[in-house]
C-alpha cells in the first residue's frame, strides 16, 4: 500500500479541546451503531473510520506509518480498497480541525451535553 504523493498530511493529532474530543468519542459511537450486522469488507469506509478514530482516541495520534503497518496486508491482498482508508483519514482529520466545510455528504460531529 502506498499513499499518494500529494496526500495532504502524514499525521492526525488528537485535539486539545475537551469538548471536541467528547464529540469525536460520540462520533465513534455513532459509527459503531451503523450497519452493525454488515461484514466490515462490505462497508469499508465505515470500517476504516472506526479503526482510525479508535486509534486516534486511544493513542493520541494516527500516522501514515501506523496505517501502513495496520492495513497493508488487508489492502495488498485485495480484500479492502485503499481509497476507503484515504477517505476515512481525510474525514477524521477534517473533524479534528473542525473543517466540516471541506466534507461532502457528512453527518458532521454530534453535539454533546455540557458537563455541569
PDB file of N, CA and C in Angstrom:
ATOM      1  N   UNK A   1       0.856  -1.175   0.000  1.00  0.00           N
ATOM      2  CA  UNK A   1       0.000   0.000   0.000  1.00  0.00           C
ATOM      3  C   UNK A   1       0.901   1.236   0.000  1.00  0.00           C
ATOM      4  N   UNK A   2       0.516   2.178  -0.822  1.00  0.00           N
ATOM      5  CA  UNK A   2       1.232   3.456  -0.870  1.00  0.00           C
ATOM      6  C   UNK A   2       0.226   4.592  -0.805  1.00  0.00           C
ATOM      7  N   UNK A   3       0.621   5.609  -0.085  1.00  0.00           N
ATOM      8  CA  UNK A   3      -0.200   6.813  -0.062  1.00  0.00           C
ATOM      9  C   UNK A   3       0.161   7.659  -1.262  1.00  0.00           C
ATOM     10  N   UNK A   4      -0.808   8.368  -1.819  1.00  0.00           N
ATOM     11  CA  UNK A   4      -0.500   9.270  -2.940  1.00  0.00           C
ATOM     12  C   UNK A   4       0.552  10.292  -2.525  1.00  0.00           C
ATOM     13  N   UNK A   5       1.416  10.657  -3.449  1.00  0.00           N
ATOM     14  CA  UNK A   5       2.474  11.620  -3.143  1.00  0.00           C
ATOM     15  C   UNK A   5       1.912  12.953  -2.669  1.00  0.00           C
ATOM     16  N   UNK A   6       0.731  13.294  -3.119  1.00  0.00           N
ATOM     17  CA  UNK A   6       0.130  14.571  -2.746  1.00  0.00           C
ATOM     18  C   UNK A   6      -0.844  14.445  -1.565  1.00  0.00           C
ATOM     19  N   UNK A   7      -0.752  13.341  -0.798  1.00  0.00           N
ATOM     20  CA  UNK A   7      -1.643  13.197   0.357  1.00  0.00           C
ATOM     21  C   UNK A   7      -1.386  14.375   1.291  1.00  0.00           C
ATOM     22  N   UNK A   8      -2.427  15.057   1.749  1.00  0.00           N
ATOM     23  CA  UNK A   8      -2.260  16.370   2.391  1.00  0.00           C
ATOM     24  C   UNK A   8      -1.649  16.384   3.795  1.00  0.00           C
ATOM     25  N   UNK A   9      -1.495  15.248   4.453  1.00  0.00           N
ATOM     26  CA  UNK A   9      -0.927  15.244   5.798  1.00  0.00           C
ATOM     27  C   UNK A   9      -0.334  13.867   6.068  1.00  0.00           C
ATOM     28  N   UNK A  10       0.542  13.791   7.070  1.00  0.00           N
ATOM     29  CA  UNK A  10       1.123  12.498   7.421  1.00  0.00           C
ATOM     30  C   UNK A  10       0.816  12.093   8.862  1.00  0.00           C
ATOM     31  N   UNK A  11       0.018  12.927   9.531  1.00  0.00           N
ATOM     32  CA  UNK A  11      -0.301  12.646  10.931  1.00  0.00           C
ATOM     33  C   UNK A  11      -1.571  13.402  11.318  1.00  0.00           C
ATOM     34  N   UNK A  12      -2.392  12.746  12.111  1.00  0.00           N
ATOM     35  CA  UNK A  12      -3.559  13.380  12.718  1.00  0.00           C
ATOM     36  C   UNK A  12      -3.328  13.342  14.225  1.00  0.00           C
ATOM     37  N   UNK A  13      -3.405  14.494  14.862  1.00  0.00           N
ATOM     38  CA  UNK A  13      -3.249  14.565  16.313  1.00  0.00           C
ATOM     39  C   UNK A  13      -4.599  14.799  16.970  1.00  0.00           C
ATOM     40  N   UNK A  14      -4.779  14.160  18.117  1.00  0.00           N
ATOM     41  CA  UNK A  14      -5.989  14.374  18.890  1.00  0.00           C
ATOM     42  C   UNK A  14      -6.012  15.823  19.360  1.00  0.00           C
ATOM     43  N   UNK A  15      -7.103  16.529  19.131  1.00  0.00           N
ATOM     44  CA  UNK A  15      -7.174  17.936  19.563  1.00  0.00           C
ATOM     45  C   UNK A  15      -7.050  18.072  21.076  1.00  0.00           C
ATOM     46  N   UNK A  16      -6.619  19.238  21.519  1.00  0.00           N
ATOM     47  CA  UNK A  16      -6.511  19.529  22.952  1.00  0.00           C
ATOM     48  C   UNK A  16      -7.832  20.001  23.555  1.00  0.00           C
ATOM     49  N   UNK A  17      -8.805  20.260  22.731  1.00  0.00           N
ATOM     50  CA  UNK A  17     -10.106  20.762  23.154  1.00  0.00           C
ATOM     51  C   UNK A  17     -10.966  19.607  23.685  1.00  0.00           C
ATOM     52  N   UNK A  18     -11.256  19.619  24.990  1.00  0.00           N
ATOM     53  CA  UNK A  18     -12.003  18.530  25.627  1.00  0.00           C
ATOM     54  C   UNK A  18     -13.396  18.353  25.011  1.00  0.00           C
ATOM     55  N   UNK A  19     -14.051  19.453  24.656  1.00  0.00           N
ATOM     56  CA  UNK A  19     -15.377  19.349  24.040  1.00  0.00           C
ATOM     57  C   UNK A  19     -15.294  18.676  22.677  1.00  0.00           C
ATOM     58  N   UNK A  20     -14.273  19.015  21.907  1.00  0.00           N
ATOM     59  CA  UNK A  20     -14.102  18.397  20.597  1.00  0.00           C
ATOM     60  C   UNK A  20     -13.779  16.910  20.739  1.00  0.00           C
ATOM     61  N   UNK A  21     -12.966  16.562  21.709  1.00  0.00           N
ATOM     62  CA  UNK A  21     -12.658  15.147  21.946  1.00  0.00           C
ATOM     63  C   UNK A  21     -13.930  14.392  22.335  1.00  0.00           C
ATOM     64  N   UNK A  22     -14.768  15.004  23.152  1.00  0.00           N
ATOM     65  CA  UNK A  22     -16.047  14.375  23.529  1.00  0.00           C
ATOM     66  C   UNK A  22     -16.917  14.165  22.299  1.00  0.00           C
ATOM     67  N   UNK A  23     -16.910  15.117  21.391  1.00  0.00           N
ATOM     68  CA  UNK A  23     -17.686  14.989  20.151  1.00  0.00           C
ATOM     69  C   UNK A  23     -17.111  13.891  19.262  1.00  0.00           C
ATOM     70  N   UNK A  24     -15.780  13.757  19.243  1.00  0.00           N
ATOM     71  CA  UNK A  24     -15.153  12.667  18.474  1.00  0.00           C
ATOM     72  C   UNK A  24     -15.532  11.309  19.066  1.00  0.00           C
ATOM     73  N   UNK A  25     -15.566  11.223  20.388  1.00  0.00           N
ATOM     74  CA  UNK A  25     -15.990   9.973  21.039  1.00  0.00           C
ATOM     75  C   UNK A  25     -17.446   9.654  20.691  1.00  0.00           C
ATOM     76  N   UNK A  26     -18.290  10.671  20.684  1.00  0.00           N
ATOM     77  CA  UNK A  26     -19.695  10.476  20.310  1.00  0.00           C
ATOM     78  C   UNK A  26     -19.804  10.047  18.850  1.00  0.00           C
ATOM     79  N   UNK A  27     -18.950  10.597  18.001  1.00  0.00           N
ATOM     80  CA  UNK A  27     -18.957  10.218  16.587  1.00  0.00           C
ATOM     81  C   UNK A  27     -18.555   8.755  16.430  1.00  0.00           C
ATOM     82  N   UNK A  28     -17.561   8.324  17.197  1.00  0.00           N
ATOM     83  CA  UNK A  28     -17.153   6.918  17.148  1.00  0.00           C
ATOM     84  C   UNK A  28     -18.327   6.018  17.525  1.00  0.00           C
ATOM     85  N   UNK A  29     -19.051   6.380  18.566  1.00  0.00           N
ATOM     86  CA  UNK A  29     -20.213   5.580  18.965  1.00  0.00           C
ATOM     87  C   UNK A  29     -21.287   5.589  17.869  1.00  0.00           C
ATOM     88  N   UNK A  30     -21.449   6.735  17.225  1.00  0.00           N
ATOM     89  CA  UNK A  30     -22.395   6.811  16.096  1.00  0.00           C
ATOM     90  C   UNK A  30     -21.956   5.857  14.990  1.00  0.00           C
ATOM     91  N   UNK A  31     -20.679   5.904  14.639  1.00  0.00           N
ATOM     92  CA  UNK A  31     -20.161   4.995  13.606  1.00  0.00           C
ATOM     93  C   UNK A  31     -20.399   3.536  13.995  1.00  0.00           C
ATOM     94  N   UNK A  32     -20.124   3.196  15.241  1.00  0.00           N
ATOM     95  CA  UNK A  32     -20.276   1.807  15.690  1.00  0.00           C
ATOM     96  C   UNK A  32     -21.734   1.357  15.665  1.00  0.00           C
ATOM     97  N   UNK A  33     -22.660   2.297  15.749  1.00  0.00           N
ATOM     98  CA  UNK A  33     -24.082   1.963  15.711  1.00  0.00           C
ATOM     99  C   UNK A  33     -24.632   1.760  14.314  1.00  0.00           C
ATOM    100  N   UNK A  34     -23.854   2.107  13.312  1.00  0.00           N
ATOM    101  CA  UNK A  34     -24.291   1.946  11.919  1.00  0.00           C
ATOM    102  C   UNK A  34     -23.981   0.530  11.435  1.00  0.00           C
ATOM    103  N   UNK A  35     -24.860  -0.038  10.652  1.00  0.00           N
ATOM    104  CA  UNK A  35     -24.622  -1.314   9.969  1.00  0.00           C
ATOM    105  C   UNK A  35     -23.930  -2.348  10.851  1.00  0.00           C
ATOM    106  N   UNK A  36     -24.450  -2.540  12.043  1.00  0.00           N
ATOM    107  CA  UNK A  36     -23.808  -3.464  12.986  1.00  0.00           C
ATOM    108  C   UNK A  36     -23.765  -4.893  12.488  1.00  0.00           C
ATOM    109  N   UNK A  37     -24.645  -5.254  11.569  1.00  0.00           N
ATOM    110  CA  UNK A  37     -24.725  -6.646  11.138  1.00  0.00           C
ATOM    111  C   UNK A  37     -24.150  -6.858   9.739  1.00  0.00           C
ATOM    112  N   UNK A  38     -23.463  -5.847   9.225  1.00  0.00           N
ATOM    113  CA  UNK A  38     -22.852  -5.951   7.908  1.00  0.00           C
ATOM    114  C   UNK A  38     -21.370  -6.290   8.081  1.00  0.00           C
ATOM    115  N   UNK A  39     -20.876  -7.203   7.273  1.00  0.00           N
ATOM    116  CA  UNK A  39     -19.453  -7.556   7.332  1.00  0.00           C
ATOM    117  C   UNK A  39     -18.609  -6.322   7.015  1.00  0.00           C
ATOM    118  N   UNK A  40     -17.487  -6.130   7.728  1.00  0.00           N
ATOM    119  CA  UNK A  40     -16.667  -4.922   7.539  1.00  0.00           C
ATOM    120  C   UNK A  40     -16.238  -4.696   6.091  1.00  0.00           C
ATOM    121  N   UNK A  41     -15.931  -5.758   5.380  1.00  0.00           N
ATOM    122  CA  UNK A  41     -15.487  -5.564   3.995  1.00  0.00           C
ATOM    123  C   UNK A  41     -16.614  -5.088   3.082  1.00  0.00           C
ATOM    124  N   UNK A  42     -17.847  -5.183   3.548  1.00  0.00           N
ATOM    125  CA  UNK A  42     -18.982  -4.705   2.767  1.00  0.00           C
ATOM    126  C   UNK A  42     -19.227  -3.212   2.970  1.00  0.00           C
ATOM    127  N   UNK A  43     -18.696  -2.653   4.034  1.00  0.00           N
ATOM    128  CA  UNK A  43     -18.791  -1.215   4.277  1.00  0.00           C
ATOM    129  C   UNK A  43     -17.409  -0.732   4.726  1.00  0.00           C
ATOM    130  N   UNK A  44     -16.495  -0.725   3.773  1.00  0.00           N
ATOM    131  CA  UNK A  44     -15.101  -0.430   4.062  1.00  0.00           C
ATOM    132  C   UNK A  44     -14.892   0.985   4.579  1.00  0.00           C
ATOM    133  N   UNK A  45     -15.632   1.935   4.056  1.00  0.00           N
ATOM    134  CA  UNK A  45     -15.495   3.314   4.505  1.00  0.00           C
ATOM    135  C   UNK A  45     -15.761   3.401   6.003  1.00  0.00           C
ATOM    136  N   UNK A  46     -16.831   2.789   6.447  1.00  0.00           N
ATOM    137  CA  UNK A  46     -17.179   2.783   7.866  1.00  0.00           C
ATOM    138  C   UNK A  46     -16.130   2.022   8.679  1.00  0.00           C
ATOM    139  N   UNK A  47     -15.676   0.882   8.184  1.00  0.00           N
ATOM    140  CA  UNK A  47     -14.646   0.094   8.869  1.00  0.00           C
ATOM    141  C   UNK A  47     -13.408   0.939   9.150  1.00  0.00           C
ATOM    142  N   UNK A  48     -12.920   1.643   8.130  1.00  0.00           N
ATOM    143  CA  UNK A  48     -11.716   2.444   8.305  1.00  0.00           C
ATOM    144  C   UNK A  48     -11.952   3.648   9.219  1.00  0.00           C
ATOM    145  N   UNK A  49     -13.106   4.279   9.116  1.00  0.00           N
ATOM    146  CA  UNK A  49     -13.397   5.412  10.003  1.00  0.00           C
ATOM    147  C   UNK A  49     -13.381   4.966  11.458  1.00  0.00           C
ATOM    148  N   UNK A  50     -13.970   3.815  11.744  1.00  0.00           N
ATOM    149  CA  UNK A  50     -13.980   3.300  13.115  1.00  0.00           C
ATOM    150  C   UNK A  50     -12.562   3.005  13.577  1.00  0.00           C
ATOM    151  N   UNK A  51     -11.794   2.290  12.776  1.00  0.00           N
ATOM    152  CA  UNK A  51     -10.428   1.918  13.172  1.00  0.00           C
ATOM    153  C   UNK A  51      -9.544   3.141  13.384  1.00  0.00           C
ATOM    154  N   UNK A  52      -9.628   4.109  12.470  1.00  0.00           N
ATOM    155  CA  UNK A  52      -8.804   5.314  12.581  1.00  0.00           C
ATOM    156  C   UNK A  52      -9.206   6.128  13.810  1.00  0.00           C
ATOM    157  N   UNK A  53     -10.488   6.317  14.004  1.00  0.00           N
ATOM    158  CA  UNK A  53     -10.949   7.111  15.145  1.00  0.00           C
ATOM    159  C   UNK A  53     -10.656   6.407  16.470  1.00  0.00           C
ATOM    160  N   UNK A  54     -10.827   5.097  16.531  1.00  0.00           N
ATOM    161  CA  UNK A  54     -10.475   4.352  17.744  1.00  0.00           C
ATOM    162  C   UNK A  54      -9.003   4.549  18.085  1.00  0.00           C
ATOM    163  N   UNK A  55      -8.135   4.393  17.091  1.00  0.00           N
ATOM    164  CA  UNK A  55      -6.703   4.534  17.345  1.00  0.00           C
ATOM    165  C   UNK A  55      -6.359   5.959  17.760  1.00  0.00           C
ATOM    166  N   UNK A  56      -6.955   6.934  17.113  1.00  0.00           N
ATOM    167  CA  UNK A  56      -6.708   8.329  17.467  1.00  0.00           C
ATOM    168  C   UNK A  56      -7.068   8.589  18.928  1.00  0.00           C
ATOM    169  N   UNK A  57      -8.221   8.115  19.346  1.00  0.00           N
ATOM    170  CA  UNK A  57      -8.673   8.350  20.719  1.00  0.00           C
ATOM    171  C   UNK A  57      -7.839   7.572  21.744  1.00  0.00           C
ATOM    172  N   UNK A  58      -7.339   6.413  21.356  1.00  0.00           N
ATOM    173  CA  UNK A  58      -6.523   5.611  22.274  1.00  0.00           C
ATOM    174  C   UNK A  58      -5.073   6.091  22.329  1.00  0.00           C
ATOM    175  N   UNK A  59      -4.482   6.362  21.178  1.00  0.00           N
ATOM    176  CA  UNK A  59      -3.044   6.652  21.101  1.00  0.00           C
ATOM    177  C   UNK A  59      -2.725   8.137  21.083  1.00  0.00           C
ATOM    178  N   UNK A  60      -3.713   8.968  20.759  1.00  0.00           N
ATOM    179  CA  UNK A  60      -3.471  10.407  20.697  1.00  0.00           C
ATOM    180  C   UNK A  60      -3.045  10.901  19.335  1.00  0.00           C
ATOM    181  N   UNK A  61      -2.772   9.978  18.414  1.00  0.00           N
ATOM    182  CA  UNK A  61      -2.449  10.367  17.035  1.00  0.00           C
ATOM    183  C   UNK A  61      -2.606   9.166  16.119  1.00  0.00           C
ATOM    184  N   UNK A  62      -2.701   9.473  14.848  1.00  0.00           N
ATOM    185  CA  UNK A  62      -2.707   8.461  13.792  1.00  0.00           C
ATOM    186  C   UNK A  62      -1.682   8.921  12.763  1.00  0.00           C
ATOM    187  N   UNK A  63      -0.736   8.075  12.485  1.00  0.00           N
ATOM    188  CA  UNK A  63       0.271   8.397  11.476  1.00  0.00           C
ATOM    189  C   UNK A  63       0.069   7.522  10.247  1.00  0.00           C
ATOM    190  N   UNK A  64       0.598   7.980   9.137  1.00  0.00           N
ATOM    191  CA  UNK A  64       0.524   7.166   7.931  1.00  0.00           C
ATOM    192  C   UNK A  64       1.323   5.882   8.116  1.00  0.00           C
ATOM    193  N   UNK A  65       2.409   5.945   8.868  1.00  0.00           N
ATOM    194  CA  UNK A  65       3.184   4.728   9.152  1.00  0.00           C
ATOM    195  C   UNK A  65       2.345   3.712   9.915  1.00  0.00           C
ATOM    196  N   UNK A  66       1.538   4.172  10.890  1.00  0.00           N
ATOM    197  CA  UNK A  66       0.657   3.255  11.611  1.00  0.00           C
ATOM    198  C   UNK A  66      -0.338   2.627  10.641  1.00  0.00           C
ATOM    199  N   UNK A  67      -0.890   3.426   9.755  1.00  0.00           N
ATOM    200  CA  UNK A  67      -1.849   2.912   8.768  1.00  0.00           C
ATOM    201  C   UNK A  67      -1.208   1.849   7.888  1.00  0.00           C
ATOM    202  N   UNK A  68       0.016   2.112   7.468  1.00  0.00           N
ATOM    203  CA  UNK A  68       0.724   1.136   6.635  1.00  0.00           C
ATOM    204  C   UNK A  68       0.923  -0.161   7.409  1.00  0.00           C
ATOM    205  N   UNK A  69       1.365  -0.063   8.649  1.00  0.00           N
ATOM    206  CA  UNK A  69       1.564  -1.258   9.474  1.00  0.00           C
ATOM    207  C   UNK A  69       0.258  -2.000   9.727  1.00  0.00           C
ATOM    208  N   UNK A  70      -0.793  -1.249   9.958  1.00  0.00           N
ATOM    209  CA  UNK A  70      -2.078  -1.828  10.348  1.00  0.00           C
ATOM    210  C   UNK A  70      -2.871  -2.406   9.171  1.00  0.00           C
ATOM    211  N   UNK A  71      -2.807  -1.746   8.009  1.00  0.00           N
ATOM    212  CA  UNK A  71      -3.748  -2.081   6.945  1.00  0.00           C
ATOM    213  C   UNK A  71      -3.131  -2.626   5.653  1.00  0.00           C
ATOM    214  N   UNK A  72      -1.823  -2.621   5.527  1.00  0.00           N
ATOM    215  CA  UNK A  72      -1.210  -3.057   4.267  1.00  0.00           C
ATOM    216  C   UNK A  72      -1.639  -4.463   3.872  1.00  0.00           C
ATOM    217  N   UNK A  73      -1.641  -5.373   4.817  1.00  0.00           N
ATOM    218  CA  UNK A  73      -1.988  -6.749   4.480  1.00  0.00           C
ATOM    219  C   UNK A  73      -3.418  -6.847   3.947  1.00  0.00           C
ATOM    220  N   UNK A  74      -4.355  -6.138   4.573  1.00  0.00           N
ATOM    221  CA  UNK A  74      -5.743  -6.163   4.096  1.00  0.00           C
ATOM    222  C   UNK A  74      -5.855  -5.586   2.688  1.00  0.00           C
ATOM    223  N   UNK A  75      -5.167  -4.483   2.461  1.00  0.00           N
ATOM    224  CA  UNK A  75      -5.283  -3.796   1.176  1.00  0.00           C
ATOM    225  C   UNK A  75      -4.515  -4.533   0.088  1.00  0.00           C
ATOM    226  N   UNK A  76      -3.298  -4.978   0.388  1.00  0.00           N
ATOM    227  CA  UNK A  76      -2.492  -5.651  -0.629  1.00  0.00           C
ATOM    228  C   UNK A  76      -3.048  -7.007  -1.037  1.00  0.00           C
ATOM    229  N   UNK A  77      -3.868  -7.614  -0.187  1.00  0.00           N
ATOM    230  CA  UNK A  77      -4.496  -8.885  -0.553  1.00  0.00           C
ATOM    231  C   UNK A  77      -5.826  -8.670  -1.279  1.00  0.00           C
ATOM    232  N   UNK A  78      -6.162  -7.422  -1.548  1.00  0.00           N
ATOM    233  CA  UNK A  78      -7.337  -7.129  -2.360  1.00  0.00           C
ATOM    234  C   UNK A  78      -8.660  -7.218  -1.632  1.00  0.00           C
ATOM    235  N   UNK A  79      -8.628  -7.420  -0.325  1.00  0.00           N
ATOM    236  CA  UNK A  79      -9.879  -7.506   0.430  1.00  0.00           C
ATOM    237  C   UNK A  79     -10.473  -6.116   0.618  1.00  0.00           C
ATOM    238  N   UNK A  80      -9.603  -5.146   0.864  1.00  0.00           N
ATOM    239  CA  UNK A  80     -10.025  -3.771   1.115  1.00  0.00           C
ATOM    240  C   UNK A  80      -9.383  -2.846   0.082  1.00  0.00           C
ATOM    241  N   UNK A  81     -10.030  -1.724  -0.167  1.00  0.00           N
ATOM    242  CA  UNK A  81      -9.551  -0.754  -1.143  1.00  0.00           C
ATOM    243  C   UNK A  81      -8.966   0.462  -0.423  1.00  0.00           C
ATOM    244  N   UNK A  82      -7.789   0.891  -0.874  1.00  0.00           N
ATOM    245  CA  UNK A  82      -7.102   1.983  -0.174  1.00  0.00           C
ATOM    246  C   UNK A  82      -7.848   3.307  -0.226  1.00  0.00           C
ATOM    247  N   UNK A  83      -8.656   3.543  -1.256  1.00  0.00           N
ATOM    248  CA  UNK A  83      -9.357   4.830  -1.317  1.00  0.00           C
ATOM    249  C   UNK A  83     -10.338   4.996  -0.156  1.00  0.00           C
ATOM    250  N   UNK A  84     -10.839   3.893   0.399  1.00  0.00           N
ATOM    251  CA  UNK A  84     -11.705   4.000   1.579  1.00  0.00           C
ATOM    252  C   UNK A  84     -10.899   4.430   2.805  1.00  0.00           C
ATOM    253  N   UNK A  85      -9.680   3.936   2.922  1.00  0.00           N
ATOM    254  CA  UNK A  85      -8.803   4.373   4.013  1.00  0.00           C
ATOM    255  C   UNK A  85      -8.462   5.846   3.854  1.00  0.00           C
ATOM    256  N   UNK A  86      -8.115   6.268   2.651  1.00  0.00           N
ATOM    257  CA  UNK A  86      -7.753   7.664   2.410  1.00  0.00           C
ATOM    258  C   UNK A  86      -8.923   8.581   2.752  1.00  0.00           C
ATOM    259  N   UNK A  87     -10.139   8.157   2.397  1.00  0.00           N
ATOM    260  CA  UNK A  87     -11.319   8.949   2.720  1.00  0.00           C
ATOM    261  C   UNK A  87     -11.521   9.023   4.232  1.00  0.00           C
ATOM    262  N   UNK A  88     -11.381   7.898   4.926  1.00  0.00           N
ATOM    263  CA  UNK A  88     -11.559   7.888   6.378  1.00  0.00           C
ATOM    264  C   UNK A  88     -10.567   8.833   7.049  1.00  0.00           C
ATOM    265  N   UNK A  89      -9.319   8.804   6.621  1.00  0.00           N
ATOM    266  CA  UNK A  89      -8.311   9.697   7.188  1.00  0.00           C
ATOM    267  C   UNK A  89      -8.662  11.160   6.930  1.00  0.00           C
ATOM    268  N   UNK A  90      -9.115  11.457   5.737  1.00  0.00           N
ATOM    269  CA  UNK A  90      -9.474  12.825   5.376  1.00  0.00           C
ATOM    270  C   UNK A  90     -10.641  13.316   6.224  1.00  0.00           C
ATOM    271  N   UNK A  91     -11.642  12.467   6.418  1.00  0.00           N
ATOM    272  CA  UNK A  91     -12.814  12.847   7.215  1.00  0.00           C
ATOM    273  C   UNK A  91     -12.431  13.056   8.671  1.00  0.00           C
ATOM    274  N   UNK A  92     -11.699  12.122   9.254  1.00  0.00           N
ATOM    275  CA  UNK A  92     -11.313  12.254  10.664  1.00  0.00           C
ATOM    276  C   UNK A  92     -10.431  13.482  10.861  1.00  0.00           C
ATOM    277  N   UNK A  93      -9.523  13.728   9.936  1.00  0.00           N
ATOM    278  CA  UNK A  93      -8.679  14.922  10.027  1.00  0.00           C
ATOM    279  C   UNK A  93      -9.529  16.194   9.968  1.00  0.00           C
ATOM    280  N   UNK A  94     -10.506  16.229   9.080  1.00  0.00           N
ATOM    281  CA  UNK A  94     -11.386  17.398   8.976  1.00  0.00           C
ATOM    282  C   UNK A  94     -12.157  17.598  10.279  1.00  0.00           C
ATOM    283  N   UNK A  95     -12.623  16.512  10.891  1.00  0.00           N
ATOM    284  CA  UNK A  95     -13.305  16.632  12.181  1.00  0.00           C
ATOM    285  C   UNK A  95     -12.372  17.219  13.232  1.00  0.00           C
ATOM    286  N   UNK A  96     -11.133  16.743  13.265  1.00  0.00           N
ATOM    287  CA  UNK A  96     -10.171  17.232  14.266  1.00  0.00           C
ATOM    288  C   UNK A  96      -9.840  18.700  14.061  1.00  0.00           C
ATOM    289  N   UNK A  97      -9.835  19.140  12.813  1.00  0.00           N
ATOM    290  CA  UNK A  97      -9.530  20.534  12.505  1.00  0.00           C
ATOM    291  C   UNK A  97     -10.788  21.388  12.436  1.00  0.00           C
ATOM    292  N   UNK A  98     -11.931  20.772  12.704  1.00  0.00           N
ATOM    293  CA  UNK A  98     -13.236  21.428  12.610  1.00  0.00           C
ATOM    294  C   UNK A  98     -13.411  22.126  11.267  1.00  0.00           C
ATOM    295  N   UNK A  99     -13.021  21.404  10.230  1.00  0.00           N
ATOM    296  CA  UNK A  99     -13.116  21.884   8.852  1.00  0.00           C
ATOM    297  C   UNK A  99     -14.237  21.131   8.139  1.00  0.00           C
ATOM    298  N   UNK A 100     -15.429  21.207   8.683  1.00  0.00           N
ATOM    299  CA  UNK A 100     -16.546  20.445   8.143  1.00  0.00           C
ATOM    300  C   UNK A 100     -16.979  20.940   6.770  1.00  0.00           C
ATOM    301  N   UNK A 101     -16.646  22.168   6.441  1.00  0.00           N
ATOM    302  CA  UNK A 101     -16.993  22.708   5.131  1.00  0.00           C
ATOM    303  C   UNK A 101     -16.295  21.992   3.989  1.00  0.00           C
ATOM    304  N   UNK A 102     -15.188  21.303   4.285  1.00  0.00           N
ATOM    305  CA  UNK A 102     -14.458  20.598   3.231  1.00  0.00           C
ATOM    306  C   UNK A 102     -15.044  19.220   2.945  1.00  0.00           C
ATOM    307  N   UNK A 103     -16.020  18.798   3.730  1.00  0.00           N
ATOM    308  CA  UNK A 103     -16.605  17.466   3.572  1.00  0.00           C
ATOM    309  C   UNK A 103     -17.928  17.535   2.837  1.00  0.00           C
ATOM    310  N   UNK A 104     -18.148  16.531   2.005  1.00  0.00           N
ATOM    311  CA  UNK A 104     -19.437  16.413   1.320  1.00  0.00           C
ATOM    312  C   UNK A 104     -20.182  15.219   1.892  1.00  0.00           C
ATOM    313  N   UNK A 105     -21.475  15.335   2.022  1.00  0.00           N
ATOM    314  CA  UNK A 105     -22.342  14.254   2.493  1.00  0.00           C
ATOM    315  C   UNK A 105     -21.971  13.766   3.886  1.00  0.00           C
ATOM    316  N   UNK A 106     -21.426  14.629   4.702  1.00  0.00           N
ATOM    317  CA  UNK A 106     -21.044  14.260   6.061  1.00  0.00           C
ATOM    318  C   UNK A 106     -22.211  14.525   7.000  1.00  0.00           C
ATOM    319  N   UNK A 107     -22.355  13.655   7.982  1.00  0.00           N
ATOM    320  CA  UNK A 107     -23.362  13.890   9.013  1.00  0.00           C
ATOM    321  C   UNK A 107     -22.812  14.791  10.102  1.00  0.00           C
ATOM    322  N   UNK A 108     -21.525  15.139  10.012  1.00  0.00           N
ATOM    323  CA  UNK A 108     -20.917  16.064  10.962  1.00  0.00           C
ATOM    324  C   UNK A 108     -20.642  15.430  12.314  1.00  0.00           C
ATOM    325  N   UNK A 109     -20.224  16.264  13.218  1.00  0.00           N
ATOM    326  CA  UNK A 109     -19.944  15.816  14.580  1.00  0.00           C
ATOM    327  C   UNK A 109     -21.166  16.054  15.445  1.00  0.00           C
ATOM    328  N   UNK A 110     -21.534  15.067  16.249  1.00  0.00           N
ATOM    329  CA  UNK A 110     -22.680  15.276  17.138  1.00  0.00           C
ATOM    330  C   UNK A 110     -22.343  16.291  18.227  1.00  0.00           C
ATOM    331  N   UNK A 111     -23.365  16.973  18.687  1.00  0.00           N
ATOM    332  CA  UNK A 111     -23.220  17.848  19.841  1.00  0.00           C
ATOM    333  C   UNK A 111     -23.313  16.981  21.088  1.00  0.00           C
ATOM    334  N   UNK A 112     -22.598  17.344  22.116  1.00  0.00           N
ATOM    335  CA  UNK A 112     -22.681  16.623  23.375  1.00  0.00           C
ATOM    336  C   UNK A 112     -23.082  17.593  24.465  1.00  0.00           C
ATOM    337  N   UNK A 113     -23.762  17.079  25.470  1.00  0.00           N
ATOM    338  CA  UNK A 113     -24.224  17.924  26.562  1.00  0.00           C
ATOM    339  C   UNK A 113     -23.023  18.421  27.347  1.00  0.00           C
ATOM    340  N   UNK A 114     -23.074  19.674  27.740  1.00  0.00           N
ATOM    341  CA  UNK A 114     -22.017  20.246  28.558  1.00  0.00           C
ATOM    342  C   UNK A 114     -22.073  19.639  29.944  1.00  0.00           C
ATOM    343  N   UNK A 115     -20.914  19.442  30.531  1.00  0.00           N
ATOM    344  CA  UNK A 115     -20.849  18.890  31.885  1.00  0.00           C
ATOM    345  C   UNK A 115     -21.167  19.990  32.885  1.00  0.00           C
ATOM    346  N   UNK A 116     -21.989  19.645  33.829  1.00  0.00           N
ATOM    347  CA  UNK A 116     -22.386  20.630  34.858  1.00  0.00           C
ATOM    348  C   UNK A 116     -21.380  20.690  35.969  1.00  0.00           C
TER     349      UNK A 116
END
